[in-house]
C-alpha atoms as a PDB file:
ATOM      1  CA  MET A   1      99.943  92.362 102.673  1.00  0.00           C
ATOM      2  CA  ALA A   2     101.906  95.584 101.515  1.00  0.00           C
ATOM      3  CA  LYS A   3     104.100  94.821 104.596  1.00  0.00           C
ATOM      4  CA  TRP A   4     104.547  91.472 103.848  1.00  0.00           C
ATOM      5  CA  PHE A   5     106.054  92.778 100.649  1.00  0.00           C
ATOM      6  CA  GLU A   6     108.266  95.070 102.234  1.00  0.00           C
ATOM      7  CA  PHE A   7     109.101  92.759 105.285  1.00  0.00           C
ATOM      8  CA  LEU A   8     110.272  90.171 102.270  1.00  0.00           C
ATOM      9  CA  LYS A   9     112.391  92.950 100.312  1.00  0.00           C
ATOM     10  CA  LYS A  10     114.272  93.873 103.622  1.00  0.00           C
ATOM     11  CA  SER A  11     118.227  92.918 103.495  1.00  0.00           C
ATOM     12  CA  TYR A  12     119.109  89.976 105.586  1.00  0.00           C
ATOM     13  CA  PRO A  13     122.831  88.115 105.854  1.00  0.00           C
ATOM     14  CA  PHE A  14     123.792  86.006 103.967  1.00  0.00           C
ATOM     15  CA  ASN A  15     125.629  82.959 105.761  1.00  0.00           C
ATOM     16  CA  ASP A  16     128.879  82.978 104.519  1.00  0.00           C
ATOM     17  CA  ASP A  17     131.323  82.058 107.172  1.00  0.00           C
ATOM     18  CA  LEU A  18     132.773  78.815 106.601  1.00  0.00           C
ATOM     19  CA  LYS A  19     134.615  78.285 109.396  1.00  0.00           C
ATOM     20  CA  GLN A  20     131.574  78.178 111.251  1.00  0.00           C
ATOM     21  CA  ASN A  21     129.530  76.143 108.468  1.00  0.00           C
ATOM     22  CA  THR A  22     132.006  73.960 108.816  1.00  0.00           C
ATOM     23  CA  LYS A  23     131.864  72.945 112.431  1.00  0.00           C
ATOM     24  CA  LEU A  24     127.692  73.543 112.021  1.00  0.00           C
ATOM     25  CA  ILE A  25     127.844  70.266 108.793  1.00  0.00           C
ATOM     26  CA  PHE A  26     129.581  68.396 111.465  1.00  0.00           C
ATOM     27  CA  VAL A  27     127.209  69.336 114.446  1.00  0.00           C
ATOM     28  CA  ILE A  28     123.699  68.709 112.657  1.00  0.00           C
ATOM     29  CA  SER A  29     125.508  65.505 111.095  1.00  0.00           C
ATOM     30  CA  LEU A  30     126.187  64.094 114.595  1.00  0.00           C
ATOM     31  CA  ILE A  31     122.681  65.171 115.848  1.00  0.00           C
ATOM     32  CA  LEU A  32     120.978  63.606 112.890  1.00  0.00           C
ATOM     33  CA  PHE A  33     122.749  60.422 113.440  1.00  0.00           C
ATOM     34  CA  LEU A  34     121.144  60.172 116.752  1.00  0.00           C
ATOM     35  CA  LEU A  35     118.098  60.988 115.845  1.00  0.00           C
ATOM     36  CA  PHE A  36     117.745  58.161 113.445  1.00  0.00           C
ATOM     37  CA  TYR A  37     119.384  55.702 115.384  1.00  0.00           C
ATOM     38  CA  LEU A  38     117.194  56.271 118.058  1.00  0.00           C
ATOM     39  CA  PHE A  39     113.736  57.087 116.485  1.00  0.00           C
ATOM     40  CA  GLN A  40     114.163  54.917 113.627  1.00  0.00           C
ATOM     41  CA  PRO A  41     111.797  57.032 111.540  1.00  0.00           C
ATOM     42  CA  PHE A  42     111.830  54.671 108.494  1.00  0.00           C
ATOM     43  CA  ASP A  43     111.037  51.584 110.313  1.00  0.00           C
ATOM     44  CA  ILE A  44     114.066  49.718 110.797  1.00  0.00           C
ATOM     45  CA  LYS A  45     113.930  47.896 113.521  1.00  0.00           C
ATOM     46  CA  ALA A  46     113.592  44.634 111.698  1.00  0.00           C
ATOM     47  CA  LEU A  47     117.180  45.644 110.699  1.00  0.00           C
ATOM     48  CA  ASN A  48     120.427  43.607 112.690  1.00  0.00           C
ATOM     49  CA  THR A  49     122.611  46.440 114.267  1.00  0.00           C
ATOM     50  CA  GLN A  50     125.060  46.150 111.367  1.00  0.00           C
ATOM     51  CA  GLU A  51     122.397  46.812 109.044  1.00  0.00           C
ATOM     52  CA  LYS A  52     120.670  49.798 110.949  1.00  0.00           C
ATOM     53  CA  TYR A  53     124.544  51.664 110.902  1.00  0.00           C
ATOM     54  CA  SER A  54     125.034  51.390 107.306  1.00  0.00           C
ATOM     55  CA  LEU A  55     121.222  52.225 106.239  1.00  0.00           C
ATOM     56  CA  ILE A  56     121.669  54.939 108.546  1.00  0.00           C
ATOM     57  CA  GLY A  57     125.718  56.163 108.166  1.00  0.00           C
ATOM     58  CA  GLY A  58     124.476  55.808 104.367  1.00  0.00           C
ATOM     59  CA  LEU A  59     122.131  58.892 104.552  1.00  0.00           C
ATOM     60  CA  ILE A  60     124.176  60.792 106.898  1.00  0.00           C
ATOM     61  CA  VAL A  61     126.644  60.634 104.487  1.00  0.00           C
ATOM     62  CA  VAL A  62     124.134  62.279 101.845  1.00  0.00           C
ATOM     63  CA  ILE A  63     123.076  64.863 104.204  1.00  0.00           C
ATOM     64  CA  PHE A  64     126.759  65.820 104.972  1.00  0.00           C
ATOM     65  CA  LEU A  65     127.369  65.943 101.564  1.00  0.00           C
ATOM     66  CA  GLY A  66     124.177  68.313 100.791  1.00  0.00           C
ATOM     67  CA  LEU A  67     124.967  70.799 103.046  1.00  0.00           C
ATOM     68  CA  SER A  68     128.621  71.275 102.411  1.00  0.00           C
ATOM     69  CA  VAL A  69     127.787  71.594  98.988  1.00  0.00           C
ATOM     70  CA  ASN A  70     125.176  74.406  99.572  1.00  0.00           C
ATOM     71  CA  LEU A  71     127.046  75.944 102.841  1.00  0.00           C
ATOM     72  CA  LEU A  72     130.984  75.627 101.695  1.00  0.00           C
ATOM     73  CA  LEU A  73     131.115  74.897  98.130  1.00  0.00           C
ATOM     74  CA  ILE A  74     128.477  77.538  96.789  1.00  0.00           C
ATOM     75  CA  PRO A  75     129.530  80.307  99.069  1.00  0.00           C
ATOM     76  CA  ALA A  76     133.470  79.825  98.569  1.00  0.00           C
ATOM     77  CA  PHE A  77     132.873  79.888  94.457  1.00  0.00           C
ATOM     78  CA  LEU A  78     129.944  82.446  94.427  1.00  0.00           C
ATOM     79  CA  SER A  79     129.712  84.976  97.211  1.00  0.00           C
ATOM     80  CA  ASP A  80     131.316  87.673  95.041  1.00  0.00           C
ATOM     81  CA  THR A  81     129.150  87.316  92.075  1.00  0.00           C
ATOM     82  CA  ARG A  82     125.722  88.994  91.838  1.00  0.00           C
ATOM     83  CA  LEU A  83     124.025  85.676  93.021  1.00  0.00           C
ATOM     84  CA  PHE A  84     124.580  86.691  96.728  1.00  0.00           C
ATOM     85  CA  GLN A  85     124.427  90.309  96.641  1.00  0.00           C
ATOM     86  CA  ARG A  86     122.410  92.505  98.202  1.00  0.00           C
ATOM     87  CA  TRP A  87     120.538  89.390 100.039  1.00  0.00           C
ATOM     88  CA  THR A  88     117.206  89.643 101.623  1.00  0.00           C
ATOM     89  CA  VAL A  89     114.487  87.997 103.554  1.00  0.00           C
ATOM     90  CA  LEU A  90     113.016  86.509 100.210  1.00  0.00           C
ATOM     91  CA  LYS A  91     116.260  85.182  99.010  1.00  0.00           C
ATOM     92  CA  GLU A  92     116.818  83.317 102.021  1.00  0.00           C
ATOM     93  CA  ILE A  93     113.322  81.676 102.562  1.00  0.00           C
ATOM     94  CA  PHE A  94     114.050  80.474  98.663  1.00  0.00           C
ATOM     95  CA  TRP A  95     117.755  79.418  99.947  1.00  0.00           C
ATOM     96  CA  ASN A  96     116.364  77.224 102.198  1.00  0.00           C
ATOM     97  CA  LEU A  97     113.839  76.246 100.301  1.00  0.00           C
ATOM     98  CA  TRP A  98     116.808  74.608  97.909  1.00  0.00           C
ATOM     99  CA  ILE A  99     118.410  73.207 100.247  1.00  0.00           C
ATOM    100  CA  ILE A 100     115.490  71.183 101.588  1.00  0.00           C
ATOM    101  CA  PHE A 101     115.037  70.097  97.788  1.00  0.00           C
ATOM    102  CA  THR A 102     118.753  69.129  97.385  1.00  0.00           C
ATOM    103  CA  ILE A 103     118.867  67.060 100.317  1.00  0.00           C
ATOM    104  CA  ALA A 104     115.339  65.526  99.843  1.00  0.00           C
ATOM    105  CA  SER A 105     116.564  64.869  96.385  1.00  0.00           C
ATOM    106  CA  ALA A 106     119.721  63.035  97.340  1.00  0.00           C
ATOM    107  CA  SER A 107     117.894  60.891  99.956  1.00  0.00           C
ATOM    108  CA  PHE A 108     115.525  60.193  97.543  1.00  0.00           C
ATOM    109  CA  VAL A 109     117.958  58.814  95.423  1.00  0.00           C
ATOM    110  CA  TYR A 110     119.858  57.046  97.880  1.00  0.00           C
ATOM    111  CA  PHE A 111     116.939  55.043  98.889  1.00  0.00           C
ATOM    112  CA  GLN A 112     116.500  54.238  95.702  1.00  0.00           C
ATOM    113  CA  LEU A 113     119.739  53.210  94.630  1.00  0.00           C
ATOM    114  CA  ILE A 114     120.071  50.519  97.758  1.00  0.00           C
ATOM    115  CA  GLY A 115     116.657  49.793  96.953  1.00  0.00           C
ATOM    116  CA  TYR A 116     115.223  49.307 100.503  1.00  0.00           C
ATOM    117  CA  PHE A 117     111.913  51.536  99.940  1.00  0.00           C
ATOM    118  CA  SER A 118     109.579  51.289  97.161  1.00  0.00           C
ATOM    119  CA  PHE A 119     108.116  54.835  96.512  1.00  0.00           C
ATOM    120  CA  SER A 120     105.168  56.380  98.400  1.00  0.00           C
ATOM    121  CA  PHE A 121     103.960  59.713  99.343  1.00  0.00           C
ATOM    122  CA  TYR A 122     104.666  58.367 102.942  1.00  0.00           C
ATOM    123  CA  ILE A 123     108.100  57.674 102.587  1.00  0.00           C
ATOM    124  CA  LEU A 124     108.549  61.072 100.349  1.00  0.00           C
ATOM    125  CA  VAL A 125     106.850  62.968 103.604  1.00  0.00           C
ATOM    126  CA  LYS A 126     109.240  61.429 105.803  1.00  0.00           C
ATOM    127  CA  ILE A 127     112.169  62.360 103.754  1.00  0.00           C
ATOM    128  CA  LEU A 128     110.882  66.439 103.169  1.00  0.00           C
ATOM    129  CA  ILE A 129     110.547  66.105 106.876  1.00  0.00           C
ATOM    130  CA  ILE A 130     114.236  64.985 107.557  1.00  0.00           C
ATOM    131  CA  SER A 131     115.793  67.421 105.236  1.00  0.00           C
ATOM    132  CA  ALA A 132     113.614  70.042 106.463  1.00  0.00           C
ATOM    133  CA  ILE A 133     115.707  69.291 109.861  1.00  0.00           C
ATOM    134  CA  PRO A 134     118.864  71.053 108.445  1.00  0.00           C
ATOM    135  CA  VAL A 135     117.105  74.312 107.699  1.00  0.00           C
ATOM    136  CA  SER A 136     115.815  74.266 111.616  1.00  0.00           C
ATOM    137  CA  ILE A 137     118.860  74.410 113.115  1.00  0.00           C
ATOM    138  CA  LEU A 138     120.474  76.196 110.736  1.00  0.00           C
ATOM    139  CA  VAL A 139     118.130  79.477 110.660  1.00  0.00           C
ATOM    140  CA  PRO A 140     117.943  80.024 114.284  1.00  0.00           C
ATOM    141  CA  TYR A 141     121.353  79.413 114.769  1.00  0.00           C
ATOM    142  CA  ASN A 142     122.491  82.104 111.996  1.00  0.00           C
ATOM    143  CA  ARG A 143     119.981  84.524 113.615  1.00  0.00           C
ATOM    144  CA  THR A 144     121.299  83.969 117.275  1.00  0.00           C
ATOM    145  CA  ARG A 145     124.865  83.917 115.852  1.00  0.00           C
ATOM    146  CA  LEU A 146     124.771  87.732 114.075  1.00  0.00           C
ATOM    147  CA  LEU A 147     122.858  88.544 117.450  1.00  0.00           C
ATOM    148  CA  ARG A 148     125.151  87.364 119.955  1.00  0.00           C
ATOM    149  CA  LEU A 149     128.472  89.160 117.161  1.00  0.00           C
ATOM    150  CA  HIS A 150     126.360  92.064 116.717  1.00  0.00           C
ATOM    151  CA  LEU A 151     125.622  92.526 120.643  1.00  0.00           C
ATOM    152  CA  GLN A 152     129.456  92.053 121.124  1.00  0.00           C
ATOM    153  CA  SER A 153     130.558  94.228 118.329  1.00  0.00           C
ATOM    154  CA  ALA A 154     127.969  97.219 119.964  1.00  0.00           C
ATOM    155  CA  LEU A 155     129.039  96.200 123.640  1.00  0.00           C
ATOM    156  CA  GLU A 156     133.266  97.371 121.816  1.00  0.00           C
ATOM    157  CA  LEU A 157     131.941 100.331 120.146  1.00  0.00           C
ATOM    158  CA  ASN A 158     130.619 101.620 123.482  1.00  0.00           C
ATOM    159  CA  ARG A 159     133.392 100.806 125.238  1.00  0.00           C
ATOM    160  CA  TYR A 160     135.268 102.300 122.796  1.00  0.00           C
ATOM    161  CA  LEU A 161     132.899 105.854 123.056  1.00  0.00           C
ATOM    162  CA  GLU A 162     133.334 105.330 126.991  1.00  0.00           C
ATOM    163  CA  GLU A 163     136.858 105.443 126.896  1.00  0.00           C
ATOM    164  CA  LYS A 164     137.054 108.318 124.239  1.00  0.00           C
ATOM    165  CA  ALA A 165     134.725 110.591 126.376  1.00  0.00           C
ATOM    166  CA  LYS A 166     136.419 109.816 129.499  1.00  0.00           C
ATOM    167  CA  PRO A 167     139.732 108.401 128.870  1.00  0.00           C
ATOM    168  CA  SER A 168     141.931 106.403 131.733  1.00  0.00           C
ATOM    169  CA  PRO A 169     144.256 108.810 133.242  1.00  0.00           C
ATOM    170  CA  LYS A 170     147.786 108.838 131.764  1.00  0.00           C
ATOM    171  CA  VAL A 171     150.153 110.843 134.385  1.00  0.00           C
ATOM    172  CA  ILE A 172     153.471 113.261 133.432  1.00  0.00           C
ATOM    173  CA  HIS A 173     155.992 113.021 136.093  1.00  0.00           C
ATOM    174  CA  LEU A 174     157.344 116.381 136.237  1.00  0.00           C
ATOM    175  CA  LYS A 175     160.846 116.379 138.581  1.00  0.00           C
ATOM    176  CA  SER A 176     161.412 119.610 140.164  1.00  0.00           C
ATOM    177  CA  ASP A 177     164.763 120.535 141.499  1.00  0.00           C
ATOM    178  CA  TYR A 178     163.553 120.098 144.920  1.00  0.00           C
ATOM    179  CA  GLU A 179     162.591 116.360 145.925  1.00  0.00           C
ATOM    180  CA  LYS A 180     159.185 117.981 147.474  1.00  0.00           C
ATOM    181  CA  ASP A 181     158.021 119.963 145.187  1.00  0.00           C
ATOM    182  CA  ASP A 182     157.374 117.229 142.447  1.00  0.00           C
ATOM    183  CA  PHE A 183     154.067 117.322 140.119  1.00  0.00           C
ATOM    184  CA  SER A 184     152.194 114.750 138.664  1.00  0.00           C
ATOM    185  CA  VAL A 185     149.518 115.468 136.539  1.00  0.00           C
ATOM    186  CA  ASP A 186     146.947 113.737 133.936  1.00  0.00           C
ATOM    187  CA  VAL A 187     148.373 114.086 130.729  1.00  0.00           C
ATOM    188  CA  ASN A 188     143.842 114.444 129.932  1.00  0.00           C
ATOM    189  CA  GLN A 189     143.328 116.920 131.684  1.00  0.00           C
ATOM    190  CA  LEU A 190     146.584 119.012 130.806  1.00  0.00           C
ATOM    191  CA  LEU A 191     146.321 121.977 128.599  1.00  0.00           C
ATOM    192  CA  TYR A 192     149.747 124.007 128.977  1.00  0.00           C
ATOM    193  CA  ILE A 193     153.082 124.159 130.075  1.00  0.00           C
ATOM    194  CA  ARG A 194     154.529 127.977 130.073  1.00  0.00           C
ATOM    195  CA  SER A 195     158.097 128.195 130.971  1.00  0.00           C
ATOM    196  CA  ALA A 196     159.175 131.183 133.900  1.00  0.00           C
ATOM    197  CA  ASN A 197     162.074 131.668 134.176  1.00  0.00           C
ATOM    198  CA  ASN A 198     164.057 128.686 136.506  1.00  0.00           C
ATOM    199  CA  TYR A 199     160.385 127.501 136.508  1.00  0.00           C
ATOM    200  CA  ILE A 200     157.665 126.729 134.663  1.00  0.00           C
ATOM    201  CA  GLU A 201     154.080 127.039 134.825  1.00  0.00           C
ATOM    202  CA  VAL A 202     151.911 123.719 134.818  1.00  0.00           C
ATOM    203  CA  PHE A 203     147.809 124.673 133.669  1.00  0.00           C
ATOM    204  CA  TRP A 204     145.424 122.082 133.688  1.00  0.00           C
ATOM    205  CA  GLN A 205     141.454 121.382 133.327  1.00  0.00           C
ATOM    206  CA  ASP A 206     139.760 121.102 136.685  1.00  0.00           C
ATOM    207  CA  ARG A 207     135.776 120.320 135.809  1.00  0.00           C
ATOM    208  CA  ASP A 208     135.212 124.067 134.720  1.00  0.00           C
ATOM    209  CA  LYS A 209     137.846 125.602 135.993  1.00  0.00           C
ATOM    210  CA  THR A 210     141.621 126.120 135.100  1.00  0.00           C
ATOM    211  CA  ARG A 211     144.019 125.601 137.402  1.00  0.00           C
ATOM    212  CA  SER A 212     148.104 125.945 137.766  1.00  0.00           C
ATOM    213  CA  ARG A 213     151.368 125.432 139.527  1.00  0.00           C
ATOM    214  CA  LEU A 214     154.897 126.160 139.512  1.00  0.00           C
ATOM    215  CA  VAL A 215     157.149 123.580 139.115  1.00  0.00           C
ATOM    216  CA  ARG A 216     160.907 124.234 139.924  1.00  0.00           C
ATOM    217  CA  CYS A 217     162.319 122.374 136.388  1.00  0.00           C
ATOM    218  CA  THR A 218     163.176 123.419 132.932  1.00  0.00           C
ATOM    219  CA  LEU A 219     160.598 123.128 130.229  1.00  0.00           C
ATOM    220  CA  LYS A 220     163.081 121.020 128.296  1.00  0.00           C
ATOM    221  CA  ARG A 221     162.722 118.224 131.140  1.00  0.00           C
ATOM    222  CA  ALA A 222     158.901 118.417 130.888  1.00  0.00           C
ATOM    223  CA  GLU A 223     158.986 117.785 127.171  1.00  0.00           C
ATOM    224  CA  GLU A 224     161.026 114.847 127.635  1.00  0.00           C
ATOM    225  CA  ALA A 225     159.191 113.779 130.364  1.00  0.00           C
ATOM    226  CA  SER A 226     156.051 113.800 127.873  1.00  0.00           C
ATOM    227  CA  LYS A 227     157.514 112.663 124.756  1.00  0.00           C
ATOM    228  CA  GLU A 228     155.706 108.921 124.712  1.00  0.00           C
ATOM    229  CA  TYR A 229     152.083 111.603 124.459  1.00  0.00           C
ATOM    230  CA  PRO A 230     152.864 112.787 120.847  1.00  0.00           C
ATOM    231  CA  PHE A 231     150.136 115.755 121.016  1.00  0.00           C
ATOM    232  CA  ILE A 232     152.324 116.845 123.912  1.00  0.00           C
ATOM    233  CA  PHE A 233     153.777 119.535 121.386  1.00  0.00           C
ATOM    234  CA  ARG A 234     156.405 122.160 122.514  1.00  0.00           C
ATOM    235  CA  CYS A 235     154.861 125.390 119.813  1.00  0.00           C
ATOM    236  CA  HIS A 236     156.993 128.076 121.175  1.00  0.00           C
ATOM    237  CA  ARG A 237     160.699 128.200 123.080  1.00  0.00           C
ATOM    238  CA  ALA A 238     158.329 128.769 125.987  1.00  0.00           C
ATOM    239  CA  PHE A 239     155.444 126.480 125.630  1.00  0.00           C
ATOM    240  CA  LEU A 240     154.259 122.974 125.353  1.00  0.00           C
ATOM    241  CA  VAL A 241     150.586 122.520 124.435  1.00  0.00           C
ATOM    242  CA  ASN A 242     148.291 119.907 124.283  1.00  0.00           C
ATOM    243  CA  ILE A 243     147.151 119.676 120.917  1.00  0.00           C
ATOM    244  CA  ASN A 244     143.848 117.755 122.073  1.00  0.00           C
ATOM    245  CA  GLN A 245     142.704 120.777 124.218  1.00  0.00           C
ATOM    246  CA  ILE A 246     142.797 123.073 121.131  1.00  0.00           C
ATOM    247  CA  LYS A 247     139.454 124.744 120.344  1.00  0.00           C
ATOM    248  CA  ARG A 248     139.922 127.131 117.758  1.00  0.00           C
ATOM    249  CA  LEU A 249     143.248 129.040 116.165  1.00  0.00           C
ATOM    250  CA  GLU A 250     143.995 132.253 113.899  1.00  0.00           C
ATOM    251  CA  GLY A 251     146.819 132.656 111.865  1.00  0.00           C
ATOM    252  CA  ASN A 252     149.025 135.863 111.676  1.00  0.00           C
ATOM    253  CA  SER A 253     152.088 137.312 110.254  1.00  0.00           C
ATOM    254  CA  GLN A 254     154.127 135.358 113.229  1.00  0.00           C
ATOM    255  CA  GLY A 255     152.560 132.000 112.987  1.00  0.00           C
ATOM    256  CA  TYR A 256     149.759 130.836 114.900  1.00  0.00           C
ATOM    257  CA  VAL A 257     147.614 131.343 117.439  1.00  0.00           C
ATOM    258  CA  LEU A 258     145.841 128.598 119.617  1.00  0.00           C
ATOM    259  CA  TYR A 259     143.197 129.031 121.973  1.00  0.00           C
ATOM    260  CA  VAL A 260     143.691 126.241 124.628  1.00  0.00           C
ATOM    261  CA  GLY A 261     141.001 125.020 127.119  1.00  0.00           C
ATOM    262  CA  GLU A 262     137.317 125.966 128.213  1.00  0.00           C
ATOM    263  CA  GLU A 263     138.692 129.625 128.775  1.00  0.00           C
ATOM    264  CA  GLU A 264     140.632 129.351 125.126  1.00  0.00           C
ATOM    265  CA  HIS A 265     144.384 130.101 126.889  1.00  0.00           C
ATOM    266  CA  ALA A 266     146.024 132.346 124.015  1.00  0.00           C
ATOM    267  CA  LEU A 267     149.269 130.541 123.069  1.00  0.00           C
ATOM    268  CA  SER A 268     151.720 131.060 119.950  1.00  0.00           C
ATOM    269  CA  VAL A 269     153.279 128.755 117.381  1.00  0.00           C
ATOM    270  CA  SER A 270     156.417 130.461 116.057  1.00  0.00           C
ATOM    271  CA  ARG A 271     157.402 129.959 112.695  1.00  0.00           C
ATOM    272  CA  LYS A 272     160.088 127.470 113.795  1.00  0.00           C
ATOM    273  CA  TYR A 273     157.536 125.179 114.456  1.00  0.00           C
ATOM    274  CA  ILE A 274     154.778 125.519 112.140  1.00  0.00           C
ATOM    275  CA  VAL A 275     155.461 122.591 109.467  1.00  0.00           C
ATOM    276  CA  PRO A 276     156.392 119.805 112.299  1.00  0.00           C
ATOM    277  CA  PHE A 277     152.701 121.110 113.989  1.00  0.00           C
ATOM    278  CA  LYS A 278     150.671 120.780 111.080  1.00  0.00           C
ATOM    279  CA  GLU A 279     152.368 117.103 110.553  1.00  0.00           C
ATOM    280  CA  ILE A 280     151.629 116.047 114.506  1.00  0.00           C
ATOM    281  CA  PHE A 281     147.681 117.929 114.423  1.00  0.00           C
ATOM    282  CA  TYR A 282     146.776 115.949 112.026  1.00  0.00           C
ATOM    283  CA  GLN A 283     147.821 112.443 112.999  1.00  0.00           C
ATOM    284  CA  VAL A 284     146.498 112.685 116.571  1.00  0.00           C
END
């Protein structure tokens, strides 16, 4: 019994998706119209076709209005109030019973107004069963919709995590003064680039090892080649660093010392670049 009460207290998402509910109301109304006409639950076989359409059409309008009030008007006006906050399984059960009650009551009033039926327990049971049909559609639909939504959302989040863990290759192309000496490197693996007179030395992470290559190129041209990647930052007159590869940093009287890559190569951030470095560091 205690477990049952705990289950009833569990949180449950209240269905206040007005766009989806609008579509659902039309679908339910159409389904009920076909069911009523095909199975004729109120023994309307003696009526002619026009009378059948009128009777069934009126009942469908009553159900349509009842669903519209409960699934559109009430959530639209009261969704921000305490009434629908902290929604639980128990509240959802009472809400569905309320929908059945309102539809059954409206249907009963409709039949009384048109004077087609005299009241009987048999008629009341039929009305209650018919009123329960929309709820029997609403509950599994809402569960399936939320399940599909959450599964899709989970897939997207997992895809994001995979991309974050294994980012897609983004290549920096470094054009050498010698045509055959051009070099391209995946920006996600790039550690830093160091100026070496008329050359630059490119360092990148290859699994657990750091590899490097000399390219006949200036650091300024390398900076221009990587300008679309804001995390490739000029931290010193002699260094470009991939901020995403920084493992830790220390401060000294001259500025910062960055430790880059698995082997923690030490690079300096000169005082000239401290302010822009801090700005870009918190953005990437």
